Amino acid sequence: MSRTPKIVVGSYVVDKTREVVAQVMGHEGPHFQLRPPKGGCEWEAVPEDVRPATLREVLRAKVQAANEASRGWRL
């Protein structure tokens, strides 16, 4: 018996239509509100277009966001 992880606010998912990792910020009716790990504008996705992100995908997205944020930082 396989268990599908429940998608809840705060969890990370992959938007299959955009092929990006995003954090679930909320849900309104059947739609999820998603935002990239680096911040930015939210967008909506239907449940059929979303799957839970793997740990590897989440870590990769967070490292990429941290690297992009640090590019402007100079001592």
PDB file of N, CA and C in Angstrom:
ATOM      1  N   MET A   1       0.842  -1.174   0.000  1.00  0.00           N
ATOM      2  CA  MET A   1       0.000   0.000   0.000  1.00  0.00           C
ATOM      3  C   MET A   1       0.882   1.231   0.000  1.00  0.00           C
ATOM      4  N   SER A   2       0.771   2.096  -1.014  1.00  0.00           N
ATOM      5  CA  SER A   2       1.570   3.314  -1.049  1.00  0.00           C
ATOM      6  C   SER A   2       0.761   4.464  -0.486  1.00  0.00           C
ATOM      7  N   ARG A   3       1.472   5.350   0.201  1.00  0.00           N
ATOM      8  CA  ARG A   3       0.821   6.511   0.789  1.00  0.00           C
ATOM      9  C   ARG A   3       1.292   7.753   0.055  1.00  0.00           C
ATOM     10  N   THR A   4       0.359   8.547  -0.425  1.00  0.00           N
ATOM     11  CA  THR A   4       0.687   9.809  -1.071  1.00  0.00           C
ATOM     12  C   THR A   4       0.767  10.875   0.005  1.00  0.00           C
ATOM     13  N   PRO A   5       1.907  11.603   0.087  1.00  0.00           N
ATOM     14  CA  PRO A   5       2.011  12.652   1.101  1.00  0.00           C
ATOM     15  C   PRO A   5       0.950  13.730   0.886  1.00  0.00           C
ATOM     16  N   LYS A   6       0.404  14.221   1.976  1.00  0.00           N
ATOM     17  CA  LYS A   6      -0.592  15.272   1.903  1.00  0.00           C
ATOM     18  C   LYS A   6       0.111  16.598   1.629  1.00  0.00           C
ATOM     19  N   ILE A   7      -0.447  17.387   0.753  1.00  0.00           N
ATOM     20  CA  ILE A   7       0.118  18.698   0.437  1.00  0.00           C
ATOM     21  C   ILE A   7      -0.550  19.718   1.348  1.00  0.00           C
ATOM     22  N   VAL A   8       0.260  20.349   2.191  1.00  0.00           N
ATOM     23  CA  VAL A   8      -0.244  21.316   3.159  1.00  0.00           C
ATOM     24  C   VAL A   8       0.519  22.637   3.010  1.00  0.00           C
ATOM     25  N   VAL A   9      -0.051  23.692   3.598  1.00  0.00           N
ATOM     26  CA  VAL A   9       0.604  24.997   3.582  1.00  0.00           C
ATOM     27  C   VAL A   9       1.985  24.865   4.224  1.00  0.00           C
ATOM     28  N   GLY A  10       2.989  25.404   3.553  1.00  0.00           N
ATOM     29  CA  GLY A  10       4.362  25.333   4.048  1.00  0.00           C
ATOM     30  C   GLY A  10       5.174  24.229   3.406  1.00  0.00           C
ATOM     31  N   SER A  11       4.512  23.249   2.797  1.00  0.00           N
ATOM     32  CA  SER A  11       5.250  22.158   2.164  1.00  0.00           C
ATOM     33  C   SER A  11       5.758  22.599   0.796  1.00  0.00           C
ATOM     34  N   TYR A  12       6.691  21.829   0.268  1.00  0.00           N
ATOM     35  CA  TYR A  12       7.270  22.121  -1.040  1.00  0.00           C
ATOM     36  C   TYR A  12       6.730  21.125  -2.066  1.00  0.00           C
ATOM     37  N   VAL A  13       6.437  21.666  -3.240  1.00  0.00           N
ATOM     38  CA  VAL A  13       5.875  20.877  -4.319  1.00  0.00           C
ATOM     39  C   VAL A  13       6.604  21.208  -5.618  1.00  0.00           C
ATOM     40  N   VAL A  14       6.344  20.409  -6.629  1.00  0.00           N
ATOM     41  CA  VAL A  14       6.809  20.708  -7.980  1.00  0.00           C
ATOM     42  C   VAL A  14       5.577  21.037  -8.803  1.00  0.00           C
ATOM     43  N   ASP A  15       5.594  22.211  -9.410  1.00  0.00           N
ATOM     44  CA  ASP A  15       4.544  22.582 -10.356  1.00  0.00           C
ATOM     45  C   ASP A  15       4.947  21.955 -11.681  1.00  0.00           C
ATOM     46  N   LYS A  16       4.247  20.928 -12.086  1.00  0.00           N
ATOM     47  CA  LYS A  16       4.615  20.158 -13.275  1.00  0.00           C
ATOM     48  C   LYS A  16       4.463  20.950 -14.562  1.00  0.00           C
ATOM     49  N   THR A  17       3.603  21.966 -14.587  1.00  0.00           N
ATOM     50  CA  THR A  17       3.447  22.759 -15.813  1.00  0.00           C
ATOM     51  C   THR A  17       4.615  23.718 -16.007  1.00  0.00           C
ATOM     52  N   ARG A  18       5.178  24.219 -14.914  1.00  0.00           N
ATOM     53  CA  ARG A  18       6.315  25.149 -14.993  1.00  0.00           C
ATOM     54  C   ARG A  18       7.650  24.448 -14.762  1.00  0.00           C
ATOM     55  N   GLU A  19       7.572  23.208 -14.261  1.00  0.00           N
ATOM     56  CA  GLU A  19       8.766  22.428 -13.925  1.00  0.00           C
ATOM     57  C   GLU A  19       9.662  23.161 -12.932  1.00  0.00           C
ATOM     58  N   VAL A  20       9.033  23.666 -11.850  1.00  0.00           N
ATOM     59  CA  VAL A  20       9.766  24.375 -10.805  1.00  0.00           C
ATOM     60  C   VAL A  20       9.300  23.913  -9.430  1.00  0.00           C
ATOM     61  N   VAL A  21      10.213  24.041  -8.461  1.00  0.00           N
ATOM     62  CA  VAL A  21       9.894  23.766  -7.062  1.00  0.00           C
ATOM     63  C   VAL A  21       9.276  25.034  -6.478  1.00  0.00           C
ATOM     64  N   ALA A  22       8.261  24.871  -5.660  1.00  0.00           N
ATOM     65  CA  ALA A  22       7.591  26.007  -5.043  1.00  0.00           C
ATOM     66  C   ALA A  22       7.105  25.621  -3.653  1.00  0.00           C
ATOM     67  N   GLN A  23       6.907  26.634  -2.829  1.00  0.00           N
ATOM     68  CA  GLN A  23       6.351  26.413  -1.501  1.00  0.00           C
ATOM     69  C   GLN A  23       4.866  26.747  -1.546  1.00  0.00           C
ATOM     70  N   VAL A  24       4.070  25.925  -0.883  1.00  0.00           N
ATOM     71  CA  VAL A  24       2.633  26.152  -0.819  1.00  0.00           C
ATOM     72  C   VAL A  24       2.375  27.250   0.218  1.00  0.00           C
ATOM     73  N   MET A  25       1.801  28.349  -0.250  1.00  0.00           N
ATOM     74  CA  MET A  25       1.525  29.487   0.620  1.00  0.00           C
ATOM     75  C   MET A  25       0.080  29.494   1.114  1.00  0.00           C
ATOM     76  N   GLY A  26      -0.786  28.790   0.403  1.00  0.00           N
ATOM     77  CA  GLY A  26      -2.185  28.734   0.793  1.00  0.00           C
ATOM     78  C   GLY A  26      -2.980  27.966  -0.237  1.00  0.00           C
ATOM     79  N   HIS A  27      -4.266  27.910  -0.008  1.00  0.00           N
ATOM     80  CA  HIS A  27      -5.155  27.289  -0.985  1.00  0.00           C
ATOM     81  C   HIS A  27      -6.509  27.977  -0.916  1.00  0.00           C
ATOM     82  N   GLU A  28      -7.086  28.148  -2.071  1.00  0.00           N
ATOM     83  CA  GLU A  28      -8.393  28.782  -2.192  1.00  0.00           C
ATOM     84  C   GLU A  28      -9.220  27.897  -3.107  1.00  0.00           C
ATOM     85  N   GLY A  29     -10.249  27.293  -2.568  1.00  0.00           N
ATOM     86  CA  GLY A  29     -11.038  26.348  -3.358  1.00  0.00           C
ATOM     87  C   GLY A  29     -10.136  25.214  -3.817  1.00  0.00           C
ATOM     88  N   PRO A  30     -10.172  24.889  -5.109  1.00  0.00           N
ATOM     89  CA  PRO A  30      -9.353  23.780  -5.591  1.00  0.00           C
ATOM     90  C   PRO A  30      -7.920  24.173  -5.951  1.00  0.00           C
ATOM     91  N   HIS A  31      -7.568  25.445  -5.825  1.00  0.00           N
ATOM     92  CA  HIS A  31      -6.246  25.920  -6.256  1.00  0.00           C
ATOM     93  C   HIS A  31      -5.266  26.086  -5.099  1.00  0.00           C
ATOM     94  N   PHE A  32      -4.004  25.807  -5.393  1.00  0.00           N
ATOM     95  CA  PHE A  32      -2.914  26.097  -4.455  1.00  0.00           C
ATOM     96  C   PHE A  32      -2.276  27.419  -4.853  1.00  0.00           C
ATOM     97  N   GLN A  33      -1.878  28.237  -3.873  1.00  0.00           N
ATOM     98  CA  GLN A  33      -1.078  29.421  -4.139  1.00  0.00           C
ATOM     99  C   GLN A  33       0.369  29.027  -3.870  1.00  0.00           C
ATOM    100  N   LEU A  34       1.216  29.193  -4.880  1.00  0.00           N
ATOM    101  CA  LEU A  34       2.610  28.762  -4.806  1.00  0.00           C
ATOM    102  C   LEU A  34       3.547  29.958  -4.941  1.00  0.00           C
ATOM    103  N   ARG A  35       4.733  29.818  -4.338  1.00  0.00           N
ATOM    104  CA  ARG A  35       5.768  30.844  -4.446  1.00  0.00           C
ATOM    105  C   ARG A  35       7.121  30.156  -4.521  1.00  0.00           C
ATOM    106  N   PRO A  36       8.045  30.686  -5.344  1.00  0.00           N
ATOM    107  CA  PRO A  36       9.376  30.075  -5.416  1.00  0.00           C
ATOM    108  C   PRO A  36      10.122  30.236  -4.092  1.00  0.00           C
ATOM    109  N   PRO A  37      11.065  29.330  -3.782  1.00  0.00           N
ATOM    110  CA  PRO A  37      11.808  29.406  -2.518  1.00  0.00           C
ATOM    111  C   PRO A  37      12.559  30.721  -2.331  1.00  0.00           C
ATOM    112  N   LYS A  38      12.973  31.365  -3.426  1.00  0.00           N
ATOM    113  CA  LYS A  38      13.712  32.625  -3.312  1.00  0.00           C
ATOM    114  C   LYS A  38      12.793  33.814  -3.079  1.00  0.00           C
ATOM    115  N   GLY A  39      11.486  33.577  -3.028  1.00  0.00           N
ATOM    116  CA  GLY A  39      10.528  34.663  -2.886  1.00  0.00           C
ATOM    117  C   GLY A  39      10.046  35.106  -4.253  1.00  0.00           C
ATOM    118  N   GLY A  40       9.155  36.058  -4.256  1.00  0.00           N
ATOM    119  CA  GLY A  40       8.639  36.545  -5.520  1.00  0.00           C
ATOM    120  C   GLY A  40       7.139  36.415  -5.586  1.00  0.00           C
ATOM    121  N   CYS A  41       6.634  36.585  -6.787  1.00  0.00           N
ATOM    122  CA  CYS A  41       5.186  36.570  -7.011  1.00  0.00           C
ATOM    123  C   CYS A  41       4.615  35.165  -6.877  1.00  0.00           C
ATOM    124  N   GLU A  42       3.455  35.117  -6.279  1.00  0.00           N
ATOM    125  CA  GLU A  42       2.734  33.848  -6.178  1.00  0.00           C
ATOM    126  C   GLU A  42       1.966  33.583  -7.459  1.00  0.00           C
ATOM    127  N   TRP A  43       1.663  32.306  -7.674  1.00  0.00           N
ATOM    128  CA  TRP A  43       0.803  31.910  -8.781  1.00  0.00           C
ATOM    129  C   TRP A  43      -0.079  30.783  -8.295  1.00  0.00           C
ATOM    130  N   GLU A  44      -1.094  30.485  -9.050  1.00  0.00           N
ATOM    131  CA  GLU A  44      -2.021  29.419  -8.688  1.00  0.00           C
ATOM    132  C   GLU A  44      -1.779  28.187  -9.539  1.00  0.00           C
ATOM    133  N   ALA A  45      -2.033  27.043  -8.939  1.00  0.00           N
ATOM    134  CA  ALA A  45      -1.922  25.766  -9.647  1.00  0.00           C
ATOM    135  C   ALA A  45      -3.045  24.852  -9.167  1.00  0.00           C
ATOM    136  N   VAL A  46      -3.534  24.054 -10.077  1.00  0.00           N
ATOM    137  CA  VAL A  46      -4.571  23.073  -9.720  1.00  0.00           C
ATOM    138  C   VAL A  46      -3.881  21.817  -9.178  1.00  0.00           C
ATOM    139  N   PRO A  47      -4.558  21.074  -8.323  1.00  0.00           N
ATOM    140  CA  PRO A  47      -3.943  19.884  -7.720  1.00  0.00           C
ATOM    141  C   PRO A  47      -3.364  18.886  -8.725  1.00  0.00           C
ATOM    142  N   GLU A  48      -3.971  18.761  -9.896  1.00  0.00           N
ATOM    143  CA  GLU A  48      -3.486  17.804 -10.901  1.00  0.00           C
ATOM    144  C   GLU A  48      -2.099  18.172 -11.427  1.00  0.00           C
ATOM    145  N   ASP A  49      -1.738  19.455 -11.321  1.00  0.00           N
ATOM    146  CA  ASP A  49      -0.453  19.929 -11.840  1.00  0.00           C
ATOM    147  C   ASP A  49       0.634  20.004 -10.781  1.00  0.00           C
ATOM    148  N   VAL A  50       0.343  19.507  -9.583  1.00  0.00           N
ATOM    149  CA  VAL A  50       1.268  19.627  -8.455  1.00  0.00           C
ATOM    150  C   VAL A  50       1.565  18.246  -7.879  1.00  0.00           C
ATOM    151  N   ARG A  51       2.845  18.038  -7.537  1.00  0.00           N
ATOM    152  CA  ARG A  51       3.230  16.811  -6.822  1.00  0.00           C
ATOM    153  C   ARG A  51       4.204  17.196  -5.712  1.00  0.00           C
ATOM    154  N   PRO A  52       4.265  16.405  -4.646  1.00  0.00           N
ATOM    155  CA  PRO A  52       5.223  16.711  -3.589  1.00  0.00           C
ATOM    156  C   PRO A  52       6.654  16.694  -4.126  1.00  0.00           C
ATOM    157  N   ALA A  53       7.458  17.654  -3.692  1.00  0.00           N
ATOM    158  CA  ALA A  53       8.864  17.704  -4.091  1.00  0.00           C
ATOM    159  C   ALA A  53       9.666  16.722  -3.260  1.00  0.00           C
ATOM    160  N   THR A  54      10.691  16.149  -3.874  1.00  0.00           N
ATOM    161  CA  THR A  54      11.589  15.272  -3.122  1.00  0.00           C
ATOM    162  C   THR A  54      12.523  16.134  -2.283  1.00  0.00           C
ATOM    163  N   LEU A  55      13.157  15.544  -1.297  1.00  0.00           N
ATOM    164  CA  LEU A  55      14.117  16.275  -0.478  1.00  0.00           C
ATOM    165  C   LEU A  55      15.236  16.842  -1.346  1.00  0.00           C
ATOM    166  N   ARG A  56      15.688  16.072  -2.295  1.00  0.00           N
ATOM    167  CA  ARG A  56      16.748  16.530  -3.204  1.00  0.00           C
ATOM    168  C   ARG A  56      16.318  17.769  -3.990  1.00  0.00           C
ATOM    169  N   GLU A  57      15.089  17.763  -4.491  1.00  0.00           N
ATOM    170  CA  GLU A  57      14.588  18.912  -5.244  1.00  0.00           C
ATOM    171  C   GLU A  57      14.482  20.159  -4.368  1.00  0.00           C
ATOM    172  N   VAL A  58      14.020  19.980  -3.129  1.00  0.00           N
ATOM    173  CA  VAL A  58      13.893  21.113  -2.209  1.00  0.00           C
ATOM    174  C   VAL A  58      15.267  21.685  -1.875  1.00  0.00           C
ATOM    175  N   LEU A  59      16.222  20.820  -1.541  1.00  0.00           N
ATOM    176  CA  LEU A  59      17.555  21.306  -1.200  1.00  0.00           C
ATOM    177  C   LEU A  59      18.203  22.021  -2.372  1.00  0.00           C
ATOM    178  N   ARG A  60      18.060  21.474  -3.556  1.00  0.00           N
ATOM    179  CA  ARG A  60      18.634  22.108  -4.755  1.00  0.00           C
ATOM    180  C   ARG A  60      18.036  23.505  -4.958  1.00  0.00           C
ATOM    181  N   ALA A  61      16.726  23.636  -4.822  1.00  0.00           N
ATOM    182  CA  ALA A  61      16.063  24.927  -5.013  1.00  0.00           C
ATOM    183  C   ALA A  61      16.489  25.933  -3.947  1.00  0.00           C
ATOM    184  N   LYS A  62      16.633  25.483  -2.697  1.00  0.00           N
ATOM    185  CA  LYS A  62      17.046  26.388  -1.621  1.00  0.00           C
ATOM    186  C   LYS A  62      18.494  26.841  -1.793  1.00  0.00           C
ATOM    187  N   VAL A  63      19.369  25.936  -2.197  1.00  0.00           N
ATOM    188  CA  VAL A  63      20.766  26.306  -2.440  1.00  0.00           C
ATOM    189  C   VAL A  63      20.858  27.298  -3.596  1.00  0.00           C
ATOM    190  N   GLN A  64      20.109  27.040  -4.649  1.00  0.00           N
ATOM    191  CA  GLN A  64      20.098  27.957  -5.789  1.00  0.00           C
ATOM    192  C   GLN A  64      19.610  29.341  -5.357  1.00  0.00           C
ATOM    193  N   ALA A  65      18.559  29.405  -4.543  1.00  0.00           N
ATOM    194  CA  ALA A  65      18.040  30.686  -4.063  1.00  0.00           C
ATOM    195  C   ALA A  65      19.069  31.399  -3.193  1.00  0.00           C
ATOM    196  N   ALA A  66      19.766  30.653  -2.324  1.00  0.00           N
ATOM    197  CA  ALA A  66      20.791  31.252  -1.473  1.00  0.00           C
ATOM    198  C   ALA A  66      21.957  31.779  -2.305  1.00  0.00           C
ATOM    199  N   ASN A  67      22.355  31.034  -3.305  1.00  0.00           N
ATOM    200  CA  ASN A  67      23.440  31.480  -4.188  1.00  0.00           C
ATOM    201  C   ASN A  67      23.054  32.753  -4.927  1.00  0.00           C
ATOM    202  N   GLU A  68      21.829  32.817  -5.437  1.00  0.00           N
ATOM    203  CA  GLU A  68      21.390  34.011  -6.150  1.00  0.00           C
ATOM    204  C   GLU A  68      21.331  35.217  -5.204  1.00  0.00           C
ATOM    205  N   ALA A  69      20.902  34.995  -3.981  1.00  0.00           N
ATOM    206  CA  ALA A  69      20.817  36.088  -3.007  1.00  0.00           C
ATOM    207  C   ALA A  69      22.199  36.592  -2.602  1.00  0.00           C
ATOM    208  N   SER A  70      23.184  35.706  -2.598  1.00  0.00           N
ATOM    209  CA  SER A  70      24.514  36.098  -2.145  1.00  0.00           C
ATOM    210  C   SER A  70      25.346  36.764  -3.231  1.00  0.00           C
ATOM    211  N   ARG A  71      24.920  36.707  -4.463  1.00  0.00           N
ATOM    212  CA  ARG A  71      25.714  37.273  -5.562  1.00  0.00           C
ATOM    213  C   ARG A  71      25.927  38.779  -5.411  1.00  0.00           C
ATOM    214  N   GLY A  72      25.000  39.474  -4.798  1.00  0.00           N
ATOM    215  CA  GLY A  72      25.135  40.909  -4.604  1.00  0.00           C
ATOM    216  C   GLY A  72      25.914  41.257  -3.342  1.00  0.00           C
ATOM    217  N   TRP A  73      26.222  40.276  -2.532  1.00  0.00           N
ATOM    218  CA  TRP A  73      26.886  40.504  -1.249  1.00  0.00           C
ATOM    219  C   TRP A  73      28.403  40.558  -1.435  1.00  0.00           C
ATOM    220  N   ARG A  74      29.013  41.672  -1.078  1.00  0.00           N
ATOM    221  CA  ARG A  74      30.475  41.820  -1.165  1.00  0.00           C
ATOM    222  C   ARG A  74      30.986  42.435   0.113  1.00  0.00           C
ATOM    223  N   LEU A  75      32.088  41.938   0.628  1.00  0.00           N
ATOM    224  CA  LEU A  75      32.712  42.503   1.840  1.00  0.00           C
ATOM    225  C   LEU A  75      33.699  43.565   1.471  1.00  0.00           C
TER     226      LEU A  75
END
